[in-house]
Amino acid sequence: MSDSAQSLWPQAGYAQLKQDARGHLTVTDDFLRVLLLRPELAPIESSCKHEIQIHERLLENPRLDLQAADLAPIQDRDAADNMAVWLRFRNRILAHATLEASYWALFEGQGVDVPPILV
């Protein structure tokens, strides 16, 4: 990966991606953590205990299997919805061997259903 790609948007997490033998990008736990630390997902002062616990668990293990029912106790529905969107996106990018393949699949079929900030 070129230095210019890494320095263009440092907060995008490109530096945490790895390259496979063909030069394609692969998702790492550290890349997922960068996404979790974005302001859209990071807990705030008024976050409930459950939201904070889920976020901490995901930072520890970004591939943790969570279901919609796990998010139900989060008091702030916007926060729960944001986390559900992120989990759906995370599951999609982990379902493919490379980030490029996951983005390709994202644009096929029914269309993009995640916010542009994740793409």
N, C-alpha and C. Protein backbone atom coordinates (compact mmCIF):
# COMPACT_ATOMS: atom_id res chain seq x y z
N MET A 1 0.86 -1.17 0.00
CA MET A 1 0.00 0.00 0.00
C MET A 1 0.90 1.23 0.00
N SER A 2 0.57 2.18 -0.80
CA SER A 2 1.43 3.36 -0.92
C SER A 2 1.30 4.27 0.29
N ASP A 3 2.35 5.03 0.55
CA ASP A 3 2.32 5.99 1.65
C ASP A 3 1.25 7.04 1.42
N SER A 4 1.04 7.42 0.14
CA SER A 4 0.03 8.44 -0.14
C SER A 4 -1.37 7.95 0.20
N ALA A 5 -1.65 6.66 -0.03
CA ALA A 5 -2.96 6.11 0.32
C ALA A 5 -3.16 6.12 1.83
N GLN A 6 -2.09 5.85 2.57
CA GLN A 6 -2.19 5.83 4.02
C GLN A 6 -2.31 7.23 4.61
N SER A 7 -1.69 8.21 3.98
CA SER A 7 -1.69 9.55 4.55
C SER A 7 -2.84 10.43 4.06
N LEU A 8 -3.55 10.00 3.03
CA LEU A 8 -4.64 10.81 2.49
C LEU A 8 -5.71 11.06 3.55
N TRP A 9 -6.19 10.00 4.18
CA TRP A 9 -7.17 10.10 5.25
C TRP A 9 -6.71 9.20 6.39
N PRO A 10 -5.84 9.71 7.26
CA PRO A 10 -5.29 8.84 8.31
C PRO A 10 -6.36 8.19 9.19
N GLN A 11 -7.48 8.89 9.42
CA GLN A 11 -8.52 8.34 10.28
C GLN A 11 -9.34 7.24 9.59
N ALA A 12 -9.11 7.01 8.30
CA ALA A 12 -9.87 5.99 7.58
C ALA A 12 -9.42 4.58 7.94
N GLY A 13 -8.25 4.44 8.53
CA GLY A 13 -7.79 3.13 8.96
C GLY A 13 -7.00 2.35 7.93
N TYR A 14 -6.64 2.98 6.82
CA TYR A 14 -5.90 2.25 5.78
C TYR A 14 -4.59 1.68 6.31
N ALA A 15 -3.95 2.38 7.23
CA ALA A 15 -2.68 1.90 7.77
C ALA A 15 -2.85 0.59 8.53
N GLN A 16 -4.06 0.29 8.97
CA GLN A 16 -4.31 -0.94 9.72
C GLN A 16 -4.69 -2.12 8.82
N LEU A 17 -4.87 -1.88 7.54
CA LEU A 17 -5.17 -2.96 6.61
C LEU A 17 -3.88 -3.69 6.24
N LYS A 18 -4.00 -4.94 5.86
CA LYS A 18 -2.85 -5.73 5.39
C LYS A 18 -3.05 -6.01 3.91
N GLN A 19 -1.96 -6.34 3.24
CA GLN A 19 -2.03 -6.73 1.84
C GLN A 19 -1.78 -8.22 1.72
N ASP A 20 -2.57 -8.86 0.84
CA ASP A 20 -2.33 -10.27 0.58
C ASP A 20 -1.26 -10.40 -0.50
N ALA A 21 -0.98 -11.62 -0.93
CA ALA A 21 0.09 -11.87 -1.90
C ALA A 21 -0.15 -11.16 -3.23
N ARG A 22 -1.41 -10.89 -3.56
CA ARG A 22 -1.74 -10.21 -4.83
C ARG A 22 -1.82 -8.69 -4.66
N GLY A 23 -1.58 -8.21 -3.44
CA GLY A 23 -1.63 -6.78 -3.20
C GLY A 23 -3.00 -6.26 -2.83
N HIS A 24 -3.94 -7.17 -2.62
CA HIS A 24 -5.29 -6.76 -2.22
C HIS A 24 -5.33 -6.54 -0.71
N LEU A 25 -6.22 -5.68 -0.29
CA LEU A 25 -6.33 -5.32 1.12
C LEU A 25 -7.16 -6.34 1.89
N THR A 26 -6.66 -6.71 3.07
CA THR A 26 -7.41 -7.61 3.94
C THR A 26 -7.72 -6.90 5.26
N VAL A 27 -8.86 -7.23 5.80
CA VAL A 27 -9.35 -6.58 7.01
C VAL A 27 -8.65 -7.17 8.23
N THR A 28 -8.24 -6.30 9.13
CA THR A 28 -7.62 -6.71 10.39
C THR A 28 -8.50 -6.25 11.55
N ASP A 29 -8.27 -6.81 12.70
CA ASP A 29 -9.00 -6.37 13.89
C ASP A 29 -8.72 -4.90 14.19
N ASP A 30 -7.49 -4.47 13.96
CA ASP A 30 -7.16 -3.06 14.21
C ASP A 30 -7.93 -2.13 13.27
N PHE A 31 -8.15 -2.54 12.03
CA PHE A 31 -8.96 -1.75 11.11
C PHE A 31 -10.39 -1.63 11.65
N LEU A 32 -10.94 -2.73 12.13
CA LEU A 32 -12.29 -2.70 12.69
C LEU A 32 -12.34 -1.81 13.92
N ARG A 33 -11.29 -1.82 14.72
CA ARG A 33 -11.25 -0.95 15.90
C ARG A 33 -11.25 0.53 15.52
N VAL A 34 -10.54 0.88 14.45
CA VAL A 34 -10.54 2.27 13.99
C VAL A 34 -11.97 2.70 13.67
N LEU A 35 -12.72 1.83 13.01
CA LEU A 35 -14.11 2.16 12.69
C LEU A 35 -14.95 2.30 13.96
N LEU A 36 -14.72 1.42 14.92
CA LEU A 36 -15.47 1.49 16.18
C LEU A 36 -15.19 2.77 16.96
N LEU A 37 -14.03 3.33 16.77
CA LEU A 37 -13.66 4.54 17.51
C LEU A 37 -14.14 5.83 16.85
N ARG A 38 -14.78 5.70 15.70
CA ARG A 38 -15.34 6.88 15.04
C ARG A 38 -16.40 7.50 15.95
N PRO A 39 -16.60 8.81 15.85
CA PRO A 39 -17.58 9.49 16.72
C PRO A 39 -19.01 8.96 16.56
N GLU A 40 -19.32 8.41 15.40
CA GLU A 40 -20.66 7.88 15.17
C GLU A 40 -20.94 6.63 15.99
N LEU A 41 -19.88 5.96 16.45
CA LEU A 41 -20.04 4.70 17.19
C LEU A 41 -19.51 4.75 18.61
N ALA A 42 -18.61 5.64 18.88
CA ALA A 42 -18.01 5.70 20.22
C ALA A 42 -19.04 6.20 21.23
N PRO A 43 -19.07 5.57 22.40
CA PRO A 43 -19.99 6.04 23.45
C PRO A 43 -19.69 7.49 23.84
N ILE A 44 -20.71 8.15 24.31
CA ILE A 44 -20.57 9.53 24.79
C ILE A 44 -20.91 9.56 26.28
N GLU A 45 -20.81 10.72 26.88
CA GLU A 45 -21.03 10.85 28.32
C GLU A 45 -22.39 10.31 28.76
N SER A 46 -23.41 10.51 27.93
CA SER A 46 -24.76 10.08 28.31
C SER A 46 -25.09 8.64 27.88
N SER A 47 -24.12 7.91 27.34
CA SER A 47 -24.37 6.54 26.91
C SER A 47 -24.73 5.66 28.10
N CYS A 48 -25.64 4.74 27.87
CA CYS A 48 -26.05 3.82 28.93
C CYS A 48 -24.97 2.76 29.15
N LYS A 49 -25.07 2.10 30.28
CA LYS A 49 -24.11 1.08 30.67
C LYS A 49 -24.00 -0.02 29.61
N HIS A 50 -25.14 -0.44 29.07
CA HIS A 50 -25.15 -1.53 28.09
C HIS A 50 -24.41 -1.12 26.80
N GLU A 51 -24.65 0.10 26.35
CA GLU A 51 -23.96 0.59 25.15
C GLU A 51 -22.45 0.60 25.36
N ILE A 52 -22.02 1.07 26.51
CA ILE A 52 -20.59 1.13 26.83
C ILE A 52 -20.00 -0.28 26.89
N GLN A 53 -20.72 -1.21 27.51
CA GLN A 53 -20.23 -2.58 27.62
C GLN A 53 -20.09 -3.25 26.25
N ILE A 54 -21.08 -3.06 25.39
CA ILE A 54 -21.00 -3.64 24.04
C ILE A 54 -19.81 -3.06 23.29
N HIS A 55 -19.64 -1.76 23.38
CA HIS A 55 -18.53 -1.11 22.69
C HIS A 55 -17.19 -1.64 23.20
N GLU A 56 -17.05 -1.78 24.51
CA GLU A 56 -15.82 -2.31 25.09
C GLU A 56 -15.57 -3.74 24.65
N ARG A 57 -16.62 -4.55 24.62
CA ARG A 57 -16.48 -5.94 24.17
C ARG A 57 -16.04 -6.01 22.71
N LEU A 58 -16.59 -5.12 21.89
CA LEU A 58 -16.21 -5.10 20.47
C LEU A 58 -14.79 -4.59 20.27
N LEU A 59 -14.36 -3.64 21.08
CA LEU A 59 -12.97 -3.19 20.98
C LEU A 59 -12.02 -4.32 21.35
N GLU A 60 -12.40 -5.11 22.33
CA GLU A 60 -11.58 -6.26 22.73
C GLU A 60 -11.57 -7.33 21.64
N ASN A 61 -12.74 -7.58 21.04
CA ASN A 61 -12.88 -8.59 19.99
C ASN A 61 -13.80 -8.04 18.91
N PRO A 62 -13.26 -7.34 17.91
CA PRO A 62 -14.09 -6.70 16.90
C PRO A 62 -14.90 -7.68 16.04
N ARG A 63 -14.56 -8.96 16.12
CA ARG A 63 -15.30 -9.97 15.34
C ARG A 63 -16.35 -10.68 16.19
N LEU A 64 -16.59 -10.18 17.38
CA LEU A 64 -17.56 -10.77 18.29
C LEU A 64 -18.91 -10.91 17.62
N ASP A 65 -19.51 -12.09 17.75
CA ASP A 65 -20.82 -12.35 17.14
C ASP A 65 -21.91 -11.74 18.01
N LEU A 66 -22.53 -10.69 17.51
CA LEU A 66 -23.64 -10.04 18.20
C LEU A 66 -24.87 -10.09 17.32
N GLN A 67 -26.02 -10.19 17.94
CA GLN A 67 -27.30 -10.23 17.23
C GLN A 67 -28.10 -8.98 17.59
N ALA A 68 -29.19 -8.77 16.86
CA ALA A 68 -30.06 -7.62 17.12
C ALA A 68 -30.53 -7.61 18.57
N ALA A 69 -30.81 -8.78 19.11
CA ALA A 69 -31.28 -8.87 20.50
C ALA A 69 -30.24 -8.35 21.49
N ASP A 70 -28.97 -8.46 21.14
CA ASP A 70 -27.91 -7.96 22.02
C ASP A 70 -27.93 -6.44 22.11
N LEU A 71 -28.47 -5.79 21.08
CA LEU A 71 -28.52 -4.33 21.04
C LEU A 71 -29.79 -3.77 21.65
N ALA A 72 -30.79 -4.60 21.84
CA ALA A 72 -32.10 -4.15 22.33
C ALA A 72 -32.03 -3.36 23.64
N PRO A 73 -31.20 -3.74 24.60
CA PRO A 73 -31.16 -2.99 25.86
C PRO A 73 -30.53 -1.60 25.78
N ILE A 74 -29.91 -1.26 24.64
CA ILE A 74 -29.32 0.08 24.51
C ILE A 74 -30.45 1.09 24.54
N GLN A 75 -30.36 2.05 25.44
CA GLN A 75 -31.45 3.01 25.64
C GLN A 75 -31.59 4.00 24.50
N ASP A 76 -30.50 4.46 23.95
CA ASP A 76 -30.53 5.43 22.85
C ASP A 76 -30.72 4.66 21.54
N ARG A 77 -31.89 4.78 20.94
CA ARG A 77 -32.21 4.03 19.73
C ARG A 77 -31.28 4.41 18.58
N ASP A 78 -30.89 5.69 18.49
CA ASP A 78 -29.95 6.08 17.44
C ASP A 78 -28.62 5.34 17.59
N ALA A 79 -28.15 5.24 18.81
CA ALA A 79 -26.90 4.53 19.07
C ALA A 79 -27.05 3.05 18.72
N ALA A 80 -28.17 2.45 19.08
CA ALA A 80 -28.41 1.04 18.76
C ALA A 80 -28.49 0.85 17.25
N ASP A 81 -29.16 1.76 16.56
CA ASP A 81 -29.27 1.67 15.10
C ASP A 81 -27.90 1.83 14.44
N ASN A 82 -27.10 2.77 14.92
CA ASN A 82 -25.75 2.96 14.38
C ASN A 82 -24.92 1.69 14.55
N MET A 83 -25.02 1.07 15.71
CA MET A 83 -24.27 -0.15 15.96
C MET A 83 -24.76 -1.28 15.06
N ALA A 84 -26.07 -1.37 14.85
CA ALA A 84 -26.62 -2.41 13.97
C ALA A 84 -26.11 -2.23 12.54
N VAL A 85 -26.05 -1.00 12.08
CA VAL A 85 -25.53 -0.72 10.73
C VAL A 85 -24.06 -1.13 10.66
N TRP A 86 -23.29 -0.76 11.68
CA TRP A 86 -21.88 -1.11 11.68
C TRP A 86 -21.69 -2.62 11.69
N LEU A 87 -22.47 -3.34 12.50
CA LEU A 87 -22.35 -4.80 12.56
C LEU A 87 -22.68 -5.43 11.21
N ARG A 88 -23.69 -4.92 10.54
CA ARG A 88 -24.05 -5.43 9.21
C ARG A 88 -22.89 -5.19 8.24
N PHE A 89 -22.33 -3.99 8.27
CA PHE A 89 -21.19 -3.68 7.41
C PHE A 89 -20.00 -4.57 7.75
N ARG A 90 -19.69 -4.70 9.03
CA ARG A 90 -18.57 -5.54 9.46
C ARG A 90 -18.74 -6.97 8.97
N ASN A 91 -19.94 -7.51 9.12
CA ASN A 91 -20.19 -8.88 8.69
C ASN A 91 -20.00 -9.03 7.18
N ARG A 92 -20.39 -8.01 6.45
CA ARG A 92 -20.21 -8.05 4.99
C ARG A 92 -18.73 -8.04 4.61
N ILE A 93 -17.96 -7.17 5.22
CA ILE A 93 -16.55 -7.10 4.81
C ILE A 93 -15.78 -8.33 5.29
N LEU A 94 -16.22 -8.95 6.36
CA LEU A 94 -15.55 -10.16 6.83
C LEU A 94 -15.97 -11.40 6.05
N ALA A 95 -17.04 -11.31 5.31
CA ALA A 95 -17.53 -12.45 4.53
C ALA A 95 -16.71 -12.68 3.26
N HIS A 96 -15.79 -11.78 2.96
CA HIS A 96 -14.99 -11.88 1.74
C HIS A 96 -13.51 -11.87 2.11
N ALA A 97 -12.71 -12.45 1.23
CA ALA A 97 -11.27 -12.57 1.50
C ALA A 97 -10.56 -11.22 1.49
N THR A 98 -11.07 -10.27 0.70
CA THR A 98 -10.41 -8.97 0.61
C THR A 98 -11.43 -7.85 0.74
N LEU A 99 -10.93 -6.69 1.09
CA LEU A 99 -11.79 -5.51 1.19
C LEU A 99 -12.36 -5.16 -0.19
N GLU A 100 -11.54 -5.30 -1.23
CA GLU A 100 -12.01 -5.01 -2.58
C GLU A 100 -13.18 -5.92 -2.95
N ALA A 101 -13.07 -7.21 -2.63
CA ALA A 101 -14.16 -8.15 -2.95
C ALA A 101 -15.42 -7.80 -2.17
N SER A 102 -15.26 -7.38 -0.94
CA SER A 102 -16.44 -7.03 -0.14
C SER A 102 -17.12 -5.78 -0.69
N TYR A 103 -16.34 -4.79 -1.13
CA TYR A 103 -16.93 -3.59 -1.72
C TYR A 103 -17.60 -3.92 -3.05
N TRP A 104 -16.98 -4.78 -3.83
CA TRP A 104 -17.58 -5.21 -5.09
C TRP A 104 -18.95 -5.84 -4.81
N ALA A 105 -19.00 -6.72 -3.85
CA ALA A 105 -20.26 -7.39 -3.51
C ALA A 105 -21.29 -6.39 -2.96
N LEU A 106 -20.81 -5.39 -2.24
CA LEU A 106 -21.71 -4.39 -1.67
C LEU A 106 -22.48 -3.66 -2.77
N PHE A 107 -21.83 -3.42 -3.89
CA PHE A 107 -22.47 -2.67 -4.97
C PHE A 107 -23.25 -3.55 -5.94
N GLU A 108 -23.19 -4.86 -5.75
CA GLU A 108 -23.99 -5.77 -6.56
C GLU A 108 -25.30 -6.05 -5.85
N GLY A 109 -26.25 -6.57 -6.57
CA GLY A 109 -27.49 -7.02 -5.94
C GLY A 109 -28.45 -5.90 -5.62
N GLN A 110 -28.89 -5.85 -4.37
CA GLN A 110 -29.96 -4.95 -3.96
C GLN A 110 -29.53 -3.51 -3.76
N GLY A 111 -28.28 -3.23 -3.82
CA GLY A 111 -27.81 -1.87 -3.64
C GLY A 111 -27.16 -1.65 -2.29
N VAL A 112 -26.56 -0.50 -2.15
CA VAL A 112 -25.82 -0.15 -0.94
C VAL A 112 -26.79 0.26 0.15
N ASP A 113 -26.69 -0.37 1.30
CA ASP A 113 -27.58 -0.03 2.41
C ASP A 113 -26.80 0.34 3.67
N VAL A 114 -25.60 0.87 3.45
CA VAL A 114 -24.80 1.39 4.56
C VAL A 114 -24.43 2.82 4.23
N PRO A 115 -24.18 3.64 5.24
CA PRO A 115 -23.84 5.05 5.00
C PRO A 115 -22.55 5.20 4.20
N PRO A 116 -22.47 6.25 3.39
CA PRO A 116 -21.27 6.48 2.57
C PRO A 116 -19.98 6.54 3.39
N ILE A 117 -20.05 6.96 4.63
CA ILE A 117 -18.84 7.08 5.44
C ILE A 117 -18.15 5.72 5.62
N LEU A 118 -18.89 4.62 5.49
CA LEU A 118 -18.31 3.29 5.63
C LEU A 118 -17.77 2.75 4.31
N VAL A 119 -18.09 3.38 3.22
CA VAL A 119 -17.70 2.85 1.91
C VAL A 119 -16.46 3.56 1.40
